[in-house]
Protein backbone atom coordinates (compact mmCIF):
# COMPACT_ATOMS: atom_id res chain seq x y z
CA UNK A 1 0.00 0.00 0.00
CA UNK A 2 2.86 2.40 0.68
CA UNK A 3 4.17 1.96 -2.86
CA UNK A 4 0.79 2.72 -4.40
CA UNK A 5 0.38 5.72 -2.12
CA UNK A 6 3.87 6.94 -3.05
CA UNK A 7 3.10 6.78 -6.76
CA UNK A 8 -0.35 8.35 -6.36
CA UNK A 9 0.58 11.23 -4.02
CA UNK A 10 1.96 13.72 -6.54
CA UNK A 11 -0.59 13.17 -9.31
CA UNK A 12 -3.39 13.57 -6.77
CA UNK A 13 -1.81 16.76 -5.42
CA UNK A 14 -1.58 18.18 -8.93
CA UNK A 15 -5.13 17.06 -9.74
CA UNK A 16 -6.42 18.78 -6.60
CA UNK A 17 -5.11 22.11 -7.90
CA UNK A 18 -7.73 22.08 -10.65
CA UNK A 19 -10.60 22.31 -8.16
CA UNK A 20 -9.30 24.89 -5.71
CA UNK A 21 -8.96 28.60 -6.17
CA UNK A 22 -6.54 29.07 -3.27
CA UNK A 23 -4.43 25.96 -3.94
CA UNK A 24 -2.09 26.58 -6.88
CA UNK A 25 0.20 24.22 -8.75
CA UNK A 26 3.18 25.52 -6.82
CA UNK A 27 1.53 24.41 -3.58
CA UNK A 28 1.50 20.82 -4.86
CA UNK A 29 5.23 20.82 -4.09
CA UNK A 30 4.36 20.30 -0.43
CA UNK A 31 3.44 16.72 -1.36
CA UNK A 32 7.03 15.92 -2.40
CA UNK A 33 8.26 15.02 1.13
CA UNK A 34 5.18 12.86 1.62
CA UNK A 35 5.91 10.96 -1.60
CA UNK A 36 9.55 10.52 -0.57
CA UNK A 37 8.60 9.19 2.86
CA UNK A 38 6.08 6.78 1.37
CA UNK A 39 8.60 5.59 -1.22
CA UNK A 40 11.21 4.90 1.45
CA UNK A 41 8.59 3.12 3.55
CA UNK A 42 7.62 0.96 0.57
CA UNK A 43 11.25 0.00 -0.02
CA UNK A 44 11.75 -0.84 3.66
CA UNK A 45 8.57 -2.90 3.84
CA UNK A 46 9.40 -4.80 0.66
CA UNK A 47 12.89 -5.54 1.94
CA UNK A 48 11.45 -6.89 5.18
CA UNK A 49 8.97 -9.00 3.26
CA UNK A 50 11.71 -10.41 1.03
CA UNK A 51 13.82 -11.34 4.03
CA UNK A 52 10.85 -13.03 5.67
CA UNK A 53 10.10 -14.97 2.47
CA UNK A 54 13.75 -16.01 2.18
CA UNK A 55 13.74 -17.73 5.57
CA UNK A 56 10.33 -19.34 5.20
CA UNK A 57 9.96 -23.02 4.47
CA UNK A 58 7.98 -22.43 1.29
CA UNK A 59 10.95 -20.82 -0.46
CA UNK A 60 9.06 -19.08 -3.23
CA UNK A 61 9.48 -15.47 -4.27
CA UNK A 62 6.99 -12.99 -2.87
CA UNK A 63 5.51 -11.12 -5.84
CA UNK A 64 3.84 -8.52 -3.61
CA UNK A 65 7.23 -7.57 -2.20
CA UNK A 66 8.65 -7.19 -5.69
CA UNK A 67 5.70 -5.01 -6.72
CA UNK A 68 6.14 -2.89 -3.58
CA UNK A 69 9.82 -2.47 -4.35
CA UNK A 70 9.13 -1.39 -7.93
CA UNK A 71 6.37 1.00 -6.86
CA UNK A 72 8.61 2.46 -4.16
CA UNK A 73 11.32 3.17 -6.72
CA UNK A 74 8.80 4.69 -9.13
CA UNK A 75 7.42 6.88 -6.33
CA UNK A 76 10.90 8.09 -5.45
CA UNK A 77 11.62 8.83 -9.12
CA UNK A 78 8.39 10.84 -9.39
CA UNK A 79 9.30 12.79 -6.27
CA UNK A 80 12.81 13.45 -7.58
CA UNK A 81 11.48 14.71 -10.91
CA UNK A 82 9.00 16.96 -9.12
CA UNK A 83 11.81 18.29 -6.95
CA UNK A 84 13.90 19.06 -10.03
CA UNK A 85 10.94 20.79 -11.68
CA UNK A 86 10.36 22.89 -8.57
CA UNK A 87 14.06 23.81 -8.42
CA UNK A 88 14.10 24.84 -12.09
CA UNK A 89 10.98 26.93 -11.54
CA UNK A 90 12.60 28.65 -8.56
CA UNK A 91 15.78 29.29 -10.55
CA UNK A 92 13.82 30.77 -13.45
CA UNK A 93 11.83 32.98 -11.08
CA UNK A 94 15.06 34.17 -9.49
CA UNK A 95 16.73 34.92 -12.82
CA UNK A 96 13.59 36.62 -14.13
CA UNK A 97 13.27 38.85 -11.06
CA UNK A 98 16.87 40.12 -11.37
CA UNK A 99 16.07 42.21 -14.47
PDB file of N, CA and C in Angstrom:
ATOM      1  N   UNK A   1       0.808  -1.198   0.000  1.00  0.00           N
ATOM      2  CA  UNK A   1       0.000   0.000   0.000  1.00  0.00           C
ATOM      3  C   UNK A   1       0.857   1.270   0.000  1.00  0.00           C
ATOM      4  N   UNK A   2       2.004   1.216   0.643  1.00  0.00           N
ATOM      5  CA  UNK A   2       2.858   2.397   0.684  1.00  0.00           C
ATOM      6  C   UNK A   2       3.399   2.732  -0.698  1.00  0.00           C
ATOM      7  N   UNK A   3       3.684   1.728  -1.505  1.00  0.00           N
ATOM      8  CA  UNK A   3       4.170   1.964  -2.862  1.00  0.00           C
ATOM      9  C   UNK A   3       3.112   2.614  -3.732  1.00  0.00           C
ATOM     10  N   UNK A   4       1.889   2.126  -3.636  1.00  0.00           N
ATOM     11  CA  UNK A   4       0.786   2.716  -4.404  1.00  0.00           C
ATOM     12  C   UNK A   4       0.549   4.148  -3.958  1.00  0.00           C
ATOM     13  N   UNK A   5       0.584   4.373  -2.645  1.00  0.00           N
ATOM     14  CA  UNK A   5       0.381   5.724  -2.121  1.00  0.00           C
ATOM     15  C   UNK A   5       1.509   6.656  -2.556  1.00  0.00           C
ATOM     16  N   UNK A   6       2.731   6.135  -2.611  1.00  0.00           N
ATOM     17  CA  UNK A   6       3.869   6.945  -3.047  1.00  0.00           C
ATOM     18  C   UNK A   6       3.719   7.380  -4.502  1.00  0.00           C
ATOM     19  N   UNK A   7       3.274   6.465  -5.339  1.00  0.00           N
ATOM     20  CA  UNK A   7       3.096   6.780  -6.762  1.00  0.00           C
ATOM     21  C   UNK A   7       1.908   7.714  -6.963  1.00  0.00           C
ATOM     22  N   UNK A   8       0.873   7.578  -6.157  1.00  0.00           N
ATOM     23  CA  UNK A   8      -0.352   8.354  -6.357  1.00  0.00           C
ATOM     24  C   UNK A   8      -0.330   9.725  -5.692  1.00  0.00           C
ATOM     25  N   UNK A   9       0.592   9.982  -4.790  1.00  0.00           N
ATOM     26  CA  UNK A   9       0.583  11.232  -4.022  1.00  0.00           C
ATOM     27  C   UNK A   9       0.719  12.468  -4.898  1.00  0.00           C
ATOM     28  N   UNK A  10       1.722  12.524  -5.728  1.00  0.00           N
ATOM     29  CA  UNK A  10       1.964  13.724  -6.540  1.00  0.00           C
ATOM     30  C   UNK A  10       0.904  13.947  -7.618  1.00  0.00           C
ATOM     31  N   UNK A  11       0.486  12.914  -8.350  1.00  0.00           N
ATOM     32  CA  UNK A  11      -0.594  13.169  -9.312  1.00  0.00           C
ATOM     33  C   UNK A  11      -1.890  13.633  -8.649  1.00  0.00           C
ATOM     34  N   UNK A  12      -2.190  13.113  -7.474  1.00  0.00           N
ATOM     35  CA  UNK A  12      -3.390  13.569  -6.775  1.00  0.00           C
ATOM     36  C   UNK A  12      -3.245  15.010  -6.283  1.00  0.00           C
ATOM     37  N   UNK A  13      -2.042  15.377  -5.849  1.00  0.00           N
ATOM     38  CA  UNK A  13      -1.810  16.760  -5.416  1.00  0.00           C
ATOM     39  C   UNK A  13      -1.951  17.724  -6.584  1.00  0.00           C
ATOM     40  N   UNK A  14      -1.453  17.338  -7.743  1.00  0.00           N
ATOM     41  CA  UNK A  14      -1.578  18.185  -8.930  1.00  0.00           C
ATOM     42  C   UNK A  14      -3.036  18.240  -9.389  1.00  0.00           C
ATOM     43  N   UNK A  15      -3.718  17.108  -9.333  1.00  0.00           N
ATOM     44  CA  UNK A  15      -5.132  17.056  -9.736  1.00  0.00           C
ATOM     45  C   UNK A  15      -6.003  17.915  -8.821  1.00  0.00           C
ATOM     46  N   UNK A  16      -5.643  17.984  -7.546  1.00  0.00           N
ATOM     47  CA  UNK A  16      -6.417  18.783  -6.599  1.00  0.00           C
ATOM     48  C   UNK A  16      -6.306  20.276  -6.892  1.00  0.00           C
ATOM     49  N   UNK A  17      -5.259  20.686  -7.586  1.00  0.00           N
ATOM     50  CA  UNK A  17      -5.108  22.110  -7.899  1.00  0.00           C
ATOM     51  C   UNK A  17      -6.153  22.588  -8.901  1.00  0.00           C
ATOM     52  N   UNK A  18      -6.741  21.681  -9.651  1.00  0.00           N
ATOM     53  CA  UNK A  18      -7.734  22.077 -10.652  1.00  0.00           C
ATOM     54  C   UNK A  18      -9.050  22.503 -10.016  1.00  0.00           C
ATOM     55  N   UNK A  19      -9.311  22.083  -8.782  1.00  0.00           N
ATOM     56  CA  UNK A  19     -10.603  22.315  -8.164  1.00  0.00           C
ATOM     57  C   UNK A  19     -10.559  23.306  -7.016  1.00  0.00           C
ATOM     58  N   UNK A  20      -9.433  23.951  -6.806  1.00  0.00           N
ATOM     59  CA  UNK A  20      -9.304  24.892  -5.706  1.00  0.00           C
ATOM     60  C   UNK A  20      -8.784  26.224  -6.224  1.00  0.00           C
ATOM     61  N   UNK A  21      -9.407  27.281  -5.770  1.00  0.00           N
ATOM     62  CA  UNK A  21      -8.963  28.602  -6.168  1.00  0.00           C
ATOM     63  C   UNK A  21      -7.766  29.079  -5.363  1.00  0.00           C
ATOM     64  N   UNK A  22      -7.631  28.614  -4.125  1.00  0.00           N
ATOM     65  CA  UNK A  22      -6.541  29.074  -3.274  1.00  0.00           C
ATOM     66  C   UNK A  22      -5.339  28.123  -3.279  1.00  0.00           C
ATOM     67  N   UNK A  23      -5.486  26.978  -3.896  1.00  0.00           N
ATOM     68  CA  UNK A  23      -4.426  25.964  -3.936  1.00  0.00           C
ATOM     69  C   UNK A  23      -3.861  25.930  -5.348  1.00  0.00           C
ATOM     70  N   UNK A  24      -2.660  26.495  -5.542  1.00  0.00           N
ATOM     71  CA  UNK A  24      -2.086  26.576  -6.884  1.00  0.00           C
ATOM     72  C   UNK A  24      -1.156  25.395  -7.143  1.00  0.00           C
ATOM     73  N   UNK A  25      -0.682  25.312  -8.361  1.00  0.00           N
ATOM     74  CA  UNK A  25       0.195  24.219  -8.752  1.00  0.00           C
ATOM     75  C   UNK A  25       1.509  24.239  -7.975  1.00  0.00           C
ATOM     76  N   UNK A  26       1.957  25.406  -7.611  1.00  0.00           N
ATOM     77  CA  UNK A  26       3.181  25.520  -6.824  1.00  0.00           C
ATOM     78  C   UNK A  26       3.012  24.909  -5.434  1.00  0.00           C
ATOM     79  N   UNK A  27       1.807  24.989  -4.895  1.00  0.00           N
ATOM     80  CA  UNK A  27       1.534  24.408  -3.579  1.00  0.00           C
ATOM     81  C   UNK A  27       1.547  22.880  -3.598  1.00  0.00           C
ATOM     82  N   UNK A  28       1.436  22.286  -4.758  1.00  0.00           N
ATOM     83  CA  UNK A  28       1.502  20.821  -4.861  1.00  0.00           C
ATOM     84  C   UNK A  28       2.892  20.314  -4.513  1.00  0.00           C
ATOM     85  N   UNK A  29       3.869  21.199  -4.477  1.00  0.00           N
ATOM     86  CA  UNK A  29       5.225  20.821  -4.090  1.00  0.00           C
ATOM     87  C   UNK A  29       5.333  20.378  -2.645  1.00  0.00           C
ATOM     88  N   UNK A  30       4.348  20.737  -1.820  1.00  0.00           N
ATOM     89  CA  UNK A  30       4.357  20.296  -0.430  1.00  0.00           C
ATOM     90  C   UNK A  30       4.107  18.796  -0.307  1.00  0.00           C
ATOM     91  N   UNK A  31       3.666  18.163  -1.377  1.00  0.00           N
ATOM     92  CA  UNK A  31       3.441  16.718  -1.357  1.00  0.00           C
ATOM     93  C   UNK A  31       4.710  15.931  -1.666  1.00  0.00           C
ATOM     94  N   UNK A  32       5.778  16.607  -2.055  1.00  0.00           N
ATOM     95  CA  UNK A  32       7.033  15.916  -2.397  1.00  0.00           C
ATOM     96  C   UNK A  32       7.613  15.172  -1.197  1.00  0.00           C
ATOM     97  N   UNK A  33       7.724  15.790  -0.012  1.00  0.00           N
ATOM     98  CA  UNK A  33       8.257  15.024   1.130  1.00  0.00           C
ATOM     99  C   UNK A  33       7.379  13.835   1.517  1.00  0.00           C
ATOM    100  N   UNK A  34       6.087  13.969   1.319  1.00  0.00           N
ATOM    101  CA  UNK A  34       5.183  12.857   1.617  1.00  0.00           C
ATOM    102  C   UNK A  34       5.454  11.697   0.669  1.00  0.00           C
ATOM    103  N   UNK A  35       5.628  12.014  -0.611  1.00  0.00           N
ATOM    104  CA  UNK A  35       5.913  10.964  -1.597  1.00  0.00           C
ATOM    105  C   UNK A  35       7.266  10.307  -1.321  1.00  0.00           C
ATOM    106  N   UNK A  36       8.243  11.086  -0.901  1.00  0.00           N
ATOM    107  CA  UNK A  36       9.553  10.524  -0.569  1.00  0.00           C
ATOM    108  C   UNK A  36       9.449   9.593   0.630  1.00  0.00           C
ATOM    109  N   UNK A  37       8.748  10.028   1.666  1.00  0.00           N
ATOM    110  CA  UNK A  37       8.598   9.192   2.864  1.00  0.00           C
ATOM    111  C   UNK A  37       7.860   7.897   2.546  1.00  0.00           C
ATOM    112  N   UNK A  38       6.817   7.985   1.738  1.00  0.00           N
ATOM    113  CA  UNK A  38       6.076   6.782   1.370  1.00  0.00           C
ATOM    114  C   UNK A  38       6.903   5.851   0.490  1.00  0.00           C
ATOM    115  N   UNK A  39       7.723   6.406  -0.388  1.00  0.00           N
ATOM    116  CA  UNK A  39       8.600   5.588  -1.222  1.00  0.00           C
ATOM    117  C   UNK A  39       9.643   4.849  -0.400  1.00  0.00           C
ATOM    118  N   UNK A  40      10.228   5.544   0.571  1.00  0.00           N
ATOM    119  CA  UNK A  40      11.209   4.902   1.450  1.00  0.00           C
ATOM    120  C   UNK A  40      10.536   3.831   2.298  1.00  0.00           C
ATOM    121  N   UNK A  41       9.334   4.118   2.772  1.00  0.00           N
ATOM    122  CA  UNK A  41       8.595   3.123   3.552  1.00  0.00           C
ATOM    123  C   UNK A  41       8.281   1.891   2.708  1.00  0.00           C
ATOM    124  N   UNK A  42       7.914   2.100   1.451  1.00  0.00           N
ATOM    125  CA  UNK A  42       7.621   0.965   0.573  1.00  0.00           C
ATOM    126  C   UNK A  42       8.858   0.117   0.342  1.00  0.00           C
ATOM    127  N   UNK A  43      10.008   0.756   0.167  1.00  0.00           N
ATOM    128  CA  UNK A  43      11.247   0.005  -0.016  1.00  0.00           C
ATOM    129  C   UNK A  43      11.616  -0.778   1.248  1.00  0.00           C
ATOM    130  N   UNK A  44      11.433  -0.157   2.405  1.00  0.00           N
ATOM    131  CA  UNK A  44      11.754  -0.842   3.658  1.00  0.00           C
ATOM    132  C   UNK A  44      10.810  -2.018   3.897  1.00  0.00           C
ATOM    133  N   UNK A  45       9.534  -1.819   3.637  1.00  0.00           N
ATOM    134  CA  UNK A  45       8.572  -2.903   3.837  1.00  0.00           C
ATOM    135  C   UNK A  45       8.806  -4.050   2.857  1.00  0.00           C
ATOM    136  N   UNK A  46       9.147  -3.725   1.618  1.00  0.00           N
ATOM    137  CA  UNK A  46       9.400  -4.800   0.656  1.00  0.00           C
ATOM    138  C   UNK A  46      10.674  -5.566   1.007  1.00  0.00           C
ATOM    139  N   UNK A  47      11.651  -4.864   1.527  1.00  0.00           N
ATOM    140  CA  UNK A  47      12.886  -5.541   1.943  1.00  0.00           C
ATOM    141  C   UNK A  47      12.615  -6.492   3.106  1.00  0.00           C
ATOM    142  N   UNK A  48      11.797  -6.035   4.052  1.00  0.00           N
ATOM    143  CA  UNK A  48      11.448  -6.891   5.180  1.00  0.00           C
ATOM    144  C   UNK A  48      10.656  -8.106   4.724  1.00  0.00           C
ATOM    145  N   UNK A  49       9.770  -7.896   3.778  1.00  0.00           N
ATOM    146  CA  UNK A  49       8.974  -9.003   3.264  1.00  0.00           C
ATOM    147  C   UNK A  49       9.834 -10.001   2.494  1.00  0.00           C
ATOM    148  N   UNK A  50      10.799  -9.502   1.748  1.00  0.00           N
ATOM    149  CA  UNK A  50      11.709 -10.411   1.031  1.00  0.00           C
ATOM    150  C   UNK A  50      12.550 -11.236   1.989  1.00  0.00           C
ATOM    151  N   UNK A  51      13.033 -10.599   3.045  1.00  0.00           N
ATOM    152  CA  UNK A  51      13.820 -11.340   4.035  1.00  0.00           C
ATOM    153  C   UNK A  51      12.966 -12.409   4.712  1.00  0.00           C
ATOM    154  N   UNK A  52      11.732 -12.065   5.035  1.00  0.00           N
ATOM    155  CA  UNK A  52      10.846 -13.029   5.668  1.00  0.00           C
ATOM    156  C   UNK A  52      10.549 -14.190   4.729  1.00  0.00           C
ATOM    157  N   UNK A  53      10.361 -13.902   3.436  1.00  0.00           N
ATOM    158  CA  UNK A  53      10.097 -14.973   2.471  1.00  0.00           C
ATOM    159  C   UNK A  53      11.336 -15.832   2.245  1.00  0.00           C
ATOM    160  N   UNK A  54      12.515 -15.252   2.400  1.00  0.00           N
ATOM    161  CA  UNK A  54      13.752 -16.011   2.185  1.00  0.00           C
ATOM    162  C   UNK A  54      13.982 -17.054   3.269  1.00  0.00           C
ATOM    163  N   UNK A  55      13.524 -16.781   4.479  1.00  0.00           N
ATOM    164  CA  UNK A  55      13.744 -17.731   5.572  1.00  0.00           C
ATOM    165  C   UNK A  55      12.544 -18.643   5.796  1.00  0.00           C
ATOM    166  N   UNK A  56      11.501 -18.474   5.020  1.00  0.00           N
ATOM    167  CA  UNK A  56      10.332 -19.342   5.202  1.00  0.00           C
ATOM    168  C   UNK A  56      10.594 -20.710   4.583  1.00  0.00           C
ATOM    169  N   UNK A  57       9.791 -21.659   4.964  1.00  0.00           N
ATOM    170  CA  UNK A  57       9.961 -23.016   4.467  1.00  0.00           C
ATOM    171  C   UNK A  57       9.437 -23.194   3.050  1.00  0.00           C
ATOM    172  N   UNK A  58       8.558 -22.305   2.613  1.00  0.00           N
ATOM    173  CA  UNK A  58       7.982 -22.431   1.286  1.00  0.00           C
ATOM    174  C   UNK A  58       9.031 -22.151   0.225  1.00  0.00           C
ATOM    175  N   UNK A  59       9.829 -21.104   0.424  1.00  0.00           N
ATOM    176  CA  UNK A  59      10.948 -20.822  -0.460  1.00  0.00           C
ATOM    177  C   UNK A  59      10.591 -20.222  -1.803  1.00  0.00           C
ATOM    178  N   UNK A  60       9.388 -19.699  -1.956  1.00  0.00           N
ATOM    179  CA  UNK A  60       9.056 -19.079  -3.231  1.00  0.00           C
ATOM    180  C   UNK A  60       9.142 -17.561  -3.112  1.00  0.00           C
ATOM    181  N   UNK A  61       9.293 -16.912  -4.228  1.00  0.00           N
ATOM    182  CA  UNK A  61       9.477 -15.465  -4.269  1.00  0.00           C
ATOM    183  C   UNK A  61       8.140 -14.770  -4.020  1.00  0.00           C
ATOM    184  N   UNK A  62       8.194 -13.730  -3.212  1.00  0.00           N
ATOM    185  CA  UNK A  62       6.987 -12.985  -2.867  1.00  0.00           C
ATOM    186  C   UNK A  62       6.760 -11.891  -3.911  1.00  0.00           C
ATOM    187  N   UNK A  63       5.753 -12.069  -4.756  1.00  0.00           N
ATOM    188  CA  UNK A  63       5.511 -11.116  -5.842  1.00  0.00           C
ATOM    189  C   UNK A  63       4.991  -9.781  -5.326  1.00  0.00           C
ATOM    190  N   UNK A  64       4.318  -9.781  -4.184  1.00  0.00           N
ATOM    191  CA  UNK A  64       3.837  -8.522  -3.612  1.00  0.00           C
ATOM    192  C   UNK A  64       5.023  -7.670  -3.155  1.00  0.00           C
ATOM    193  N   UNK A  65       6.043  -8.308  -2.615  1.00  0.00           N
ATOM    194  CA  UNK A  65       7.235  -7.574  -2.196  1.00  0.00           C
ATOM    195  C   UNK A  65       7.955  -6.974  -3.390  1.00  0.00           C
ATOM    196  N   UNK A  66       8.008  -7.708  -4.477  1.00  0.00           N
ATOM    197  CA  UNK A  66       8.649  -7.193  -5.691  1.00  0.00           C
ATOM    198  C   UNK A  66       7.854  -6.007  -6.235  1.00  0.00           C
ATOM    199  N   UNK A  67       6.533  -6.121  -6.248  1.00  0.00           N
ATOM    200  CA  UNK A  67       5.697  -5.009  -6.717  1.00  0.00           C
ATOM    201  C   UNK A  67       5.847  -3.795  -5.814  1.00  0.00           C
ATOM    202  N   UNK A  68       5.921  -4.001  -4.505  1.00  0.00           N
ATOM    203  CA  UNK A  68       6.136  -2.893  -3.578  1.00  0.00           C
ATOM    204  C   UNK A  68       7.476  -2.227  -3.788  1.00  0.00           C
ATOM    205  N   UNK A  69       8.486  -3.020  -4.080  1.00  0.00           N
ATOM    206  CA  UNK A  69       9.820  -2.472  -4.350  1.00  0.00           C
ATOM    207  C   UNK A  69       9.814  -1.621  -5.616  1.00  0.00           C
ATOM    208  N   UNK A  70       9.199  -2.135  -6.661  1.00  0.00           N
ATOM    209  CA  UNK A  70       9.134  -1.391  -7.927  1.00  0.00           C
ATOM    210  C   UNK A  70       8.323  -0.107  -7.754  1.00  0.00           C
ATOM    211  N   UNK A  71       7.185  -0.189  -7.071  1.00  0.00           N
ATOM    212  CA  UNK A  71       6.366   1.003  -6.864  1.00  0.00           C
ATOM    213  C   UNK A  71       7.069   2.021  -5.963  1.00  0.00           C
ATOM    214  N   UNK A  72       7.837   1.545  -4.998  1.00  0.00           N
ATOM    215  CA  UNK A  72       8.613   2.464  -4.162  1.00  0.00           C
ATOM    216  C   UNK A  72       9.659   3.217  -4.962  1.00  0.00           C
ATOM    217  N   UNK A  73      10.329   2.519  -5.861  1.00  0.00           N
ATOM    218  CA  UNK A  73      11.324   3.173  -6.716  1.00  0.00           C
ATOM    219  C   UNK A  73      10.652   4.164  -7.663  1.00  0.00           C
ATOM    220  N   UNK A  74       9.525   3.777  -8.239  1.00  0.00           N
ATOM    221  CA  UNK A  74       8.801   4.690  -9.134  1.00  0.00           C
ATOM    222  C   UNK A  74       8.328   5.925  -8.367  1.00  0.00           C
ATOM    223  N   UNK A  75       7.839   5.737  -7.152  1.00  0.00           N
ATOM    224  CA  UNK A  75       7.420   6.877  -6.334  1.00  0.00           C
ATOM    225  C   UNK A  75       8.563   7.813  -6.016  1.00  0.00           C
ATOM    226  N   UNK A  76       9.729   7.255  -5.709  1.00  0.00           N
ATOM    227  CA  UNK A  76      10.903   8.090  -5.450  1.00  0.00           C
ATOM    228  C   UNK A  76      11.355   8.826  -6.708  1.00  0.00           C
ATOM    229  N   UNK A  77      11.254   8.171  -7.851  1.00  0.00           N
ATOM    230  CA  UNK A  77      11.618   8.834  -9.116  1.00  0.00           C
ATOM    231  C   UNK A  77      10.656   9.973  -9.434  1.00  0.00           C
ATOM    232  N   UNK A  78       9.369   9.761  -9.187  1.00  0.00           N
ATOM    233  CA  UNK A  78       8.395  10.838  -9.395  1.00  0.00           C
ATOM    234  C   UNK A  78       8.672  12.018  -8.471  1.00  0.00           C
ATOM    235  N   UNK A  79       8.993  11.726  -7.217  1.00  0.00           N
ATOM    236  CA  UNK A  79       9.297  12.792  -6.267  1.00  0.00           C
ATOM    237  C   UNK A  79      10.573  13.528  -6.662  1.00  0.00           C
ATOM    238  N   UNK A  80      11.560  12.802  -7.151  1.00  0.00           N
ATOM    239  CA  UNK A  80      12.807  13.446  -7.582  1.00  0.00           C
ATOM    240  C   UNK A  80      12.568  14.341  -8.793  1.00  0.00           C
ATOM    241  N   UNK A  81      11.754  13.880  -9.732  1.00  0.00           N
ATOM    242  CA  UNK A  81      11.481  14.712 -10.908  1.00  0.00           C
ATOM    243  C   UNK A  81      10.656  15.941 -10.529  1.00  0.00           C
ATOM    244  N   UNK A  82       9.760  15.801  -9.581  1.00  0.00           N
ATOM    245  CA  UNK A  82       8.998  16.962  -9.118  1.00  0.00           C
ATOM    246  C   UNK A  82       9.900  17.941  -8.390  1.00  0.00           C
ATOM    247  N   UNK A  83      10.860  17.426  -7.644  1.00  0.00           N
ATOM    248  CA  UNK A  83      11.810  18.294  -6.948  1.00  0.00           C
ATOM    249  C   UNK A  83      12.689  19.056  -7.935  1.00  0.00           C
ATOM    250  N   UNK A  84      13.115  18.389  -9.001  1.00  0.00           N
ATOM    251  CA  UNK A  84      13.904  19.062 -10.035  1.00  0.00           C
ATOM    252  C   UNK A  84      13.065  20.129 -10.733  1.00  0.00           C
ATOM    253  N   UNK A  85      11.810  19.808 -11.026  1.00  0.00           N
ATOM    254  CA  UNK A  85      10.935  20.786 -11.676  1.00  0.00           C
ATOM    255  C   UNK A  85      10.721  22.005 -10.791  1.00  0.00           C
ATOM    256  N   UNK A  86      10.551  21.781  -9.503  1.00  0.00           N
ATOM    257  CA  UNK A  86      10.363  22.893  -8.573  1.00  0.00           C
ATOM    258  C   UNK A  86      11.635  23.732  -8.460  1.00  0.00           C
ATOM    259  N   UNK A  87      12.790  23.083  -8.480  1.00  0.00           N
ATOM    260  CA  UNK A  87      14.055  23.813  -8.415  1.00  0.00           C
ATOM    261  C   UNK A  87      14.285  24.642  -9.680  1.00  0.00           C
ATOM    262  N   UNK A  88      13.954  24.088 -10.833  1.00  0.00           N
ATOM    263  CA  UNK A  88      14.103  24.838 -12.085  1.00  0.00           C
ATOM    264  C   UNK A  88      13.149  26.028 -12.102  1.00  0.00           C
ATOM    265  N   UNK A  89      11.936  25.829 -11.615  1.00  0.00           N
ATOM    266  CA  UNK A  89      10.980  26.935 -11.543  1.00  0.00           C
ATOM    267  C   UNK A  89      11.515  28.042 -10.626  1.00  0.00           C
ATOM    268  N   UNK A  90      12.046  27.655  -9.473  1.00  0.00           N
ATOM    269  CA  UNK A  90      12.603  28.648  -8.559  1.00  0.00           C
ATOM    270  C   UNK A  90      13.783  29.385  -9.164  1.00  0.00           C
ATOM    271  N   UNK A  91      14.632  28.664  -9.886  1.00  0.00           N
ATOM    272  CA  UNK A  91      15.782  29.293 -10.550  1.00  0.00           C
ATOM    273  C   UNK A  91      15.320  30.267 -11.621  1.00  0.00           C
ATOM    274  N   UNK A  92      14.335  29.874 -12.411  1.00  0.00           N
ATOM    275  CA  UNK A  92      13.820  30.770 -13.453  1.00  0.00           C
ATOM    276  C   UNK A  92      13.147  32.002 -12.856  1.00  0.00           C
ATOM    277  N   UNK A  93      12.446  31.820 -11.759  1.00  0.00           N
ATOM    278  CA  UNK A  93      11.832  32.980 -11.082  1.00  0.00           C
ATOM    279  C   UNK A  93      12.910  33.921 -10.547  1.00  0.00           C
ATOM    280  N   UNK A  94      13.974  33.355 -10.016  1.00  0.00           N
ATOM    281  CA  UNK A  94      15.057  34.171  -9.494  1.00  0.00           C
ATOM    282  C   UNK A  94      15.757  34.946 -10.605  1.00  0.00           C
ATOM    283  N   UNK A  95      16.053  34.264 -11.707  1.00  0.00           N
ATOM    284  CA  UNK A  95      16.728  34.924 -12.822  1.00  0.00           C
ATOM    285  C   UNK A  95      15.811  35.962 -13.450  1.00  0.00           C
ATOM    286  N   UNK A  96      14.530  35.671 -13.539  1.00  0.00           N
ATOM    287  CA  UNK A  96      13.586  36.617 -14.128  1.00  0.00           C
ATOM    288  C   UNK A  96      13.360  37.849 -13.269  1.00  0.00           C
ATOM    289  N   UNK A  97      13.509  37.707 -11.951  1.00  0.00           N
ATOM    290  CA  UNK A  97      13.267  38.845 -11.059  1.00  0.00           C
ATOM    291  C   UNK A  97      14.498  39.751 -10.948  1.00  0.00           C
ATOM    292  N   UNK A  98      15.637  39.318 -11.446  1.00  0.00           N
ATOM    293  CA  UNK A  98      16.865  40.124 -11.373  1.00  0.00           C
ATOM    294  C   UNK A  98      16.871  41.249 -12.398  1.00  0.00           C
ATOM    295  N   UNK A  99      16.052  41.178 -13.410  1.00  0.00           N
ATOM    296  CA  UNK A  99      16.071  42.207 -14.473  1.00  0.00           C
ATOM    297  C   UNK A  99      15.516  43.510 -14.033  1.00  0.00           C
TER     298      UNK A  99
END
